[in-house]
Amino acid sequence: MMDVFPYLVAGWVFLAGCYGLATSRNLIHAVGCLSVCQAATYVLLLTVGYRDGATAPVFSDLKPGSRPVVDPVVQALTLTDVVVGATVTALLLALVVQVSKRHGTVDPDELSELRG
């Protein structure tokens, strides 16, 4: 069960973010829910890269092959995911500020000028 638990947590966090996004009546709330969905990818990537009993991939004090080490590529991808997520969130919040200035609301249903 503990092997599957982190995957279940990642799925639950993703579904919670999607539910919040689908029921959101505020653009700021929608951006926050997208950030929650992004956080699910952090959990998923760290789960994929986890190895029981492994150490950090620093080989100054280890002989190669003497102990298992964690894959550093997954850690680098997770760090990149965090940076990209923060950048996207900042950009979306800046767009919400501009929508609020121009239209006076952050309710998506009241933005009738944006409908095609």
N, C-alpha and C. Protein backbone atom coordinates (compact mmCIF):
# COMPACT_ATOMS: atom_id res chain seq x y z
N MET A 1 0.82 -1.20 0.00
CA MET A 1 0.00 0.00 0.00
C MET A 1 0.86 1.26 0.00
N MET A 2 1.98 1.23 0.73
CA MET A 2 2.82 2.42 0.80
C MET A 2 3.53 2.71 -0.52
N ASP A 3 3.62 1.72 -1.39
CA ASP A 3 4.21 1.97 -2.71
C ASP A 3 3.28 2.80 -3.58
N VAL A 4 1.99 2.66 -3.36
CA VAL A 4 0.99 3.34 -4.19
C VAL A 4 0.55 4.67 -3.57
N PHE A 5 0.77 4.84 -2.28
CA PHE A 5 0.27 6.01 -1.56
C PHE A 5 0.71 7.34 -2.17
N PRO A 6 1.99 7.55 -2.50
CA PRO A 6 2.37 8.85 -3.09
C PRO A 6 1.68 9.13 -4.42
N TYR A 7 1.43 8.08 -5.20
CA TYR A 7 0.71 8.28 -6.46
C TYR A 7 -0.74 8.69 -6.20
N LEU A 8 -1.34 8.09 -5.17
CA LEU A 8 -2.70 8.47 -4.80
C LEU A 8 -2.75 9.91 -4.30
N VAL A 9 -1.75 10.31 -3.54
CA VAL A 9 -1.69 11.70 -3.06
C VAL A 9 -1.57 12.66 -4.24
N ALA A 10 -0.70 12.34 -5.19
CA ALA A 10 -0.54 13.20 -6.38
C ALA A 10 -1.85 13.29 -7.16
N GLY A 11 -2.53 12.17 -7.33
CA GLY A 11 -3.81 12.19 -8.03
C GLY A 11 -4.86 12.97 -7.29
N TRP A 12 -4.90 12.83 -5.95
CA TRP A 12 -5.89 13.55 -5.16
C TRP A 12 -5.64 15.06 -5.22
N VAL A 13 -4.37 15.47 -5.11
CA VAL A 13 -4.05 16.90 -5.18
C VAL A 13 -4.42 17.45 -6.56
N PHE A 14 -4.14 16.68 -7.61
CA PHE A 14 -4.49 17.13 -8.96
C PHE A 14 -6.00 17.26 -9.12
N LEU A 15 -6.74 16.28 -8.64
CA LEU A 15 -8.20 16.33 -8.76
C LEU A 15 -8.80 17.45 -7.90
N ALA A 16 -8.22 17.72 -6.75
CA ALA A 16 -8.69 18.83 -5.92
C ALA A 16 -8.48 20.16 -6.64
N GLY A 17 -7.33 20.32 -7.30
CA GLY A 17 -7.09 21.53 -8.07
C GLY A 17 -8.02 21.65 -9.26
N CYS A 18 -8.28 20.54 -9.93
CA CYS A 18 -9.21 20.57 -11.08
C CYS A 18 -10.63 20.88 -10.63
N TYR A 19 -11.05 20.33 -9.49
CA TYR A 19 -12.39 20.63 -8.98
C TYR A 19 -12.51 22.12 -8.64
N GLY A 20 -11.49 22.66 -7.98
CA GLY A 20 -11.50 24.09 -7.66
C GLY A 20 -11.52 24.94 -8.91
N LEU A 21 -10.80 24.52 -9.93
CA LEU A 21 -10.78 25.26 -11.19
C LEU A 21 -12.13 25.23 -11.88
N ALA A 22 -12.80 24.08 -11.83
CA ALA A 22 -14.10 23.95 -12.49
C ALA A 22 -15.19 24.72 -11.76
N THR A 23 -15.07 24.88 -10.46
CA THR A 23 -16.11 25.56 -9.69
C THR A 23 -15.75 26.99 -9.33
N SER A 24 -14.66 27.50 -9.85
CA SER A 24 -14.17 28.82 -9.47
C SER A 24 -15.05 29.93 -10.04
N ARG A 25 -15.35 30.92 -9.19
CA ARG A 25 -16.10 32.10 -9.62
C ARG A 25 -15.22 33.34 -9.53
N ASN A 26 -13.90 33.14 -9.50
CA ASN A 26 -12.97 34.23 -9.34
C ASN A 26 -11.68 33.86 -10.08
N LEU A 27 -11.15 34.78 -10.85
CA LEU A 27 -9.95 34.47 -11.62
C LEU A 27 -8.73 34.24 -10.74
N ILE A 28 -8.65 34.94 -9.61
CA ILE A 28 -7.53 34.73 -8.69
C ILE A 28 -7.61 33.33 -8.09
N HIS A 29 -8.80 32.91 -7.76
CA HIS A 29 -8.99 31.55 -7.24
C HIS A 29 -8.62 30.52 -8.31
N ALA A 30 -8.95 30.80 -9.55
CA ALA A 30 -8.61 29.88 -10.64
C ALA A 30 -7.09 29.75 -10.80
N VAL A 31 -6.38 30.85 -10.67
CA VAL A 31 -4.92 30.80 -10.75
C VAL A 31 -4.36 29.98 -9.59
N GLY A 32 -4.91 30.15 -8.42
CA GLY A 32 -4.48 29.35 -7.27
C GLY A 32 -4.75 27.87 -7.48
N CYS A 33 -5.89 27.54 -8.07
CA CYS A 33 -6.20 26.13 -8.34
C CYS A 33 -5.27 25.54 -9.39
N LEU A 34 -4.87 26.34 -10.36
CA LEU A 34 -3.87 25.86 -11.32
C LEU A 34 -2.54 25.60 -10.64
N SER A 35 -2.20 26.41 -9.66
CA SER A 35 -0.96 26.18 -8.89
C SER A 35 -1.05 24.88 -8.09
N VAL A 36 -2.24 24.57 -7.59
CA VAL A 36 -2.42 23.31 -6.86
C VAL A 36 -2.24 22.14 -7.83
N CYS A 37 -2.79 22.25 -9.02
CA CYS A 37 -2.58 21.19 -10.03
C CYS A 37 -1.09 21.04 -10.35
N GLN A 38 -0.39 22.15 -10.41
CA GLN A 38 1.05 22.11 -10.66
C GLN A 38 1.78 21.42 -9.51
N ALA A 39 1.32 21.62 -8.29
CA ALA A 39 1.95 20.99 -7.12
C ALA A 39 1.83 19.47 -7.18
N ALA A 40 0.79 18.99 -7.82
CA ALA A 40 0.64 17.54 -7.97
C ALA A 40 1.77 16.97 -8.81
N THR A 41 2.26 17.73 -9.76
CA THR A 41 3.38 17.24 -10.57
C THR A 41 4.66 17.16 -9.76
N TYR A 42 4.83 18.05 -8.75
CA TYR A 42 6.01 17.96 -7.88
C TYR A 42 5.98 16.64 -7.12
N VAL A 43 4.83 16.32 -6.56
CA VAL A 43 4.70 15.08 -5.80
C VAL A 43 4.94 13.87 -6.71
N LEU A 44 4.39 13.93 -7.91
CA LEU A 44 4.56 12.81 -8.84
C LEU A 44 6.02 12.63 -9.25
N LEU A 45 6.69 13.72 -9.57
CA LEU A 45 8.09 13.60 -9.98
C LEU A 45 8.97 13.10 -8.83
N LEU A 46 8.74 13.60 -7.63
CA LEU A 46 9.54 13.13 -6.50
C LEU A 46 9.24 11.68 -6.16
N THR A 47 8.01 11.24 -6.40
CA THR A 47 7.66 9.84 -6.18
C THR A 47 8.38 8.94 -7.18
N VAL A 48 8.44 9.37 -8.42
CA VAL A 48 9.10 8.57 -9.45
C VAL A 48 10.59 8.46 -9.16
N GLY A 49 11.20 9.52 -8.65
CA GLY A 49 12.64 9.51 -8.40
C GLY A 49 13.06 8.95 -7.07
N TYR A 50 12.12 8.61 -6.19
CA TYR A 50 12.47 8.11 -4.86
C TYR A 50 12.97 6.66 -4.93
N ARG A 51 14.04 6.40 -4.20
CA ARG A 51 14.55 5.03 -4.05
C ARG A 51 14.78 4.79 -2.57
N ASP A 52 14.24 3.71 -2.06
CA ASP A 52 14.34 3.39 -0.64
C ASP A 52 15.79 3.07 -0.28
N GLY A 53 16.30 3.75 0.73
CA GLY A 53 17.67 3.51 1.19
C GLY A 53 18.74 4.18 0.35
N ALA A 54 18.36 5.01 -0.58
CA ALA A 54 19.34 5.66 -1.46
C ALA A 54 19.86 6.94 -0.81
N THR A 55 21.03 7.37 -1.26
CA THR A 55 21.63 8.60 -0.75
C THR A 55 21.67 9.64 -1.85
N ALA A 56 22.11 10.83 -1.48
CA ALA A 56 22.26 11.90 -2.46
C ALA A 56 23.35 11.53 -3.46
N PRO A 57 23.20 11.98 -4.71
CA PRO A 57 24.17 11.59 -5.74
C PRO A 57 25.46 12.41 -5.69
N VAL A 58 26.14 12.37 -4.54
CA VAL A 58 27.43 13.03 -4.39
C VAL A 58 28.45 11.91 -4.19
N PHE A 59 29.37 11.78 -5.11
CA PHE A 59 30.26 10.63 -5.13
C PHE A 59 31.64 10.92 -4.54
N SER A 60 31.80 11.99 -3.78
CA SER A 60 33.11 12.28 -3.23
C SER A 60 33.51 11.30 -2.14
N ASP A 61 32.53 10.78 -1.40
CA ASP A 61 32.85 9.85 -0.32
C ASP A 61 32.40 8.42 -0.60
N LEU A 62 31.87 8.16 -1.78
CA LEU A 62 31.35 6.83 -2.13
C LEU A 62 32.11 6.24 -3.30
N LYS A 63 32.27 4.94 -3.26
CA LYS A 63 32.75 4.26 -4.45
C LYS A 63 31.55 4.07 -5.37
N PRO A 64 31.71 4.27 -6.66
CA PRO A 64 30.57 4.04 -7.57
C PRO A 64 30.09 2.60 -7.48
N GLY A 65 28.79 2.44 -7.26
CA GLY A 65 28.18 1.13 -7.17
C GLY A 65 28.14 0.55 -5.77
N SER A 66 28.69 1.25 -4.77
CA SER A 66 28.69 0.70 -3.42
C SER A 66 27.34 0.83 -2.74
N ARG A 67 26.62 1.90 -2.99
CA ARG A 67 25.28 2.12 -2.43
C ARG A 67 24.38 2.69 -3.52
N PRO A 68 23.08 2.46 -3.40
CA PRO A 68 22.18 3.08 -4.39
C PRO A 68 22.08 4.59 -4.16
N VAL A 69 21.96 5.31 -5.24
CA VAL A 69 21.80 6.77 -5.16
C VAL A 69 20.51 7.17 -5.87
N VAL A 70 20.01 8.32 -5.49
CA VAL A 70 18.80 8.87 -6.10
C VAL A 70 19.17 9.46 -7.45
N ASP A 71 18.27 9.33 -8.41
CA ASP A 71 18.51 9.87 -9.75
C ASP A 71 18.46 11.40 -9.70
N PRO A 72 19.55 12.10 -10.02
CA PRO A 72 19.55 13.56 -9.93
C PRO A 72 18.75 14.23 -11.04
N VAL A 73 18.48 13.52 -12.13
CA VAL A 73 17.71 14.12 -13.22
C VAL A 73 16.29 14.42 -12.77
N VAL A 74 15.70 13.53 -11.99
CA VAL A 74 14.33 13.76 -11.50
C VAL A 74 14.30 14.95 -10.55
N GLN A 75 15.32 15.09 -9.73
CA GLN A 75 15.39 16.24 -8.84
C GLN A 75 15.55 17.54 -9.62
N ALA A 76 16.35 17.50 -10.66
CA ALA A 76 16.51 18.69 -11.50
C ALA A 76 15.21 19.04 -12.23
N LEU A 77 14.49 18.03 -12.70
CA LEU A 77 13.20 18.28 -13.35
C LEU A 77 12.20 18.88 -12.37
N THR A 78 12.20 18.41 -11.14
CA THR A 78 11.29 18.95 -10.13
C THR A 78 11.63 20.40 -9.83
N LEU A 79 12.90 20.71 -9.71
CA LEU A 79 13.31 22.10 -9.46
C LEU A 79 12.92 22.99 -10.64
N THR A 80 13.10 22.50 -11.86
CA THR A 80 12.69 23.24 -13.04
C THR A 80 11.18 23.43 -13.05
N ASP A 81 10.45 22.41 -12.65
CA ASP A 81 8.99 22.49 -12.58
C ASP A 81 8.55 23.56 -11.58
N VAL A 82 9.23 23.67 -10.45
CA VAL A 82 8.90 24.69 -9.46
C VAL A 82 9.12 26.08 -10.04
N VAL A 83 10.24 26.28 -10.72
CA VAL A 83 10.56 27.60 -11.29
C VAL A 83 9.56 27.97 -12.38
N VAL A 84 9.25 27.03 -13.26
CA VAL A 84 8.28 27.30 -14.33
C VAL A 84 6.90 27.56 -13.74
N GLY A 85 6.52 26.80 -12.71
CA GLY A 85 5.22 27.02 -12.07
C GLY A 85 5.12 28.39 -11.44
N ALA A 86 6.17 28.85 -10.78
CA ALA A 86 6.16 30.19 -10.18
C ALA A 86 6.08 31.27 -11.25
N THR A 87 6.77 31.07 -12.35
CA THR A 87 6.74 32.05 -13.44
C THR A 87 5.36 32.12 -14.08
N VAL A 88 4.76 30.98 -14.33
CA VAL A 88 3.42 30.95 -14.94
C VAL A 88 2.40 31.57 -13.99
N THR A 89 2.51 31.28 -12.70
CA THR A 89 1.59 31.86 -11.74
C THR A 89 1.72 33.38 -11.69
N ALA A 90 2.95 33.88 -11.71
CA ALA A 90 3.15 35.33 -11.71
C ALA A 90 2.58 35.97 -12.97
N LEU A 91 2.78 35.33 -14.11
CA LEU A 91 2.23 35.86 -15.36
C LEU A 91 0.71 35.87 -15.34
N LEU A 92 0.10 34.79 -14.88
CA LEU A 92 -1.36 34.73 -14.83
C LEU A 92 -1.93 35.75 -13.85
N LEU A 93 -1.27 35.95 -12.72
CA LEU A 93 -1.75 36.96 -11.78
C LEU A 93 -1.62 38.36 -12.35
N ALA A 94 -0.56 38.61 -13.12
CA ALA A 94 -0.43 39.91 -13.79
C ALA A 94 -1.55 40.11 -14.81
N LEU A 95 -1.92 39.06 -15.51
CA LEU A 95 -3.04 39.16 -16.45
C LEU A 95 -4.36 39.39 -15.73
N VAL A 96 -4.54 38.78 -14.57
CA VAL A 96 -5.76 39.00 -13.78
C VAL A 96 -5.83 40.45 -13.31
N VAL A 97 -4.69 41.01 -12.92
CA VAL A 97 -4.67 42.43 -12.52
C VAL A 97 -5.07 43.32 -13.69
N GLN A 98 -4.59 43.03 -14.88
CA GLN A 98 -4.95 43.83 -16.05
C GLN A 98 -6.43 43.68 -16.40
N VAL A 99 -6.96 42.47 -16.30
CA VAL A 99 -8.40 42.25 -16.54
C VAL A 99 -9.21 43.02 -15.52
N SER A 100 -8.78 43.01 -14.28
CA SER A 100 -9.50 43.73 -13.23
C SER A 100 -9.46 45.23 -13.47
N LYS A 101 -8.35 45.77 -13.92
CA LYS A 101 -8.25 47.21 -14.20
C LYS A 101 -9.14 47.60 -15.37
N ARG A 102 -9.18 46.79 -16.42
CA ARG A 102 -9.93 47.15 -17.62
C ARG A 102 -11.42 46.89 -17.51
N HIS A 103 -11.79 45.84 -16.80
CA HIS A 103 -13.20 45.45 -16.78
C HIS A 103 -13.85 45.63 -15.41
N GLY A 104 -13.06 45.89 -14.37
CA GLY A 104 -13.61 46.15 -13.05
C GLY A 104 -14.13 44.93 -12.32
N THR A 105 -13.82 43.74 -12.78
CA THR A 105 -14.27 42.52 -12.13
C THR A 105 -13.28 41.39 -12.40
N VAL A 106 -13.30 40.41 -11.51
CA VAL A 106 -12.51 39.21 -11.73
C VAL A 106 -13.41 37.98 -11.81
N ASP A 107 -14.71 38.20 -11.96
CA ASP A 107 -15.66 37.11 -12.13
C ASP A 107 -15.72 36.75 -13.61
N PRO A 108 -15.39 35.52 -13.98
CA PRO A 108 -15.37 35.16 -15.40
C PRO A 108 -16.73 35.27 -16.07
N ASP A 109 -17.81 35.08 -15.32
CA ASP A 109 -19.14 35.15 -15.92
C ASP A 109 -19.55 36.57 -16.28
N GLU A 110 -18.95 37.55 -15.61
CA GLU A 110 -19.28 38.95 -15.89
C GLU A 110 -18.44 39.55 -17.01
N LEU A 111 -17.50 38.80 -17.53
CA LEU A 111 -16.63 39.30 -18.60
C LEU A 111 -17.26 38.96 -19.95
N SER A 112 -18.38 39.59 -20.23
CA SER A 112 -19.12 39.29 -21.45
C SER A 112 -18.40 39.82 -22.70
N GLU A 113 -17.54 40.81 -22.54
CA GLU A 113 -16.84 41.37 -23.69
C GLU A 113 -15.82 40.38 -24.26
N LEU A 114 -15.43 39.41 -23.47
CA LEU A 114 -14.43 38.45 -23.92
C LEU A 114 -15.04 37.25 -24.65
N ARG A 115 -16.35 37.16 -24.67
CA ARG A 115 -17.00 36.04 -25.35
C ARG A 115 -17.05 36.31 -26.84
N GLY A 116 -16.92 35.24 -27.61
CA GLY A 116 -16.87 35.38 -29.06
C GLY A 116 -18.16 35.35 -29.74
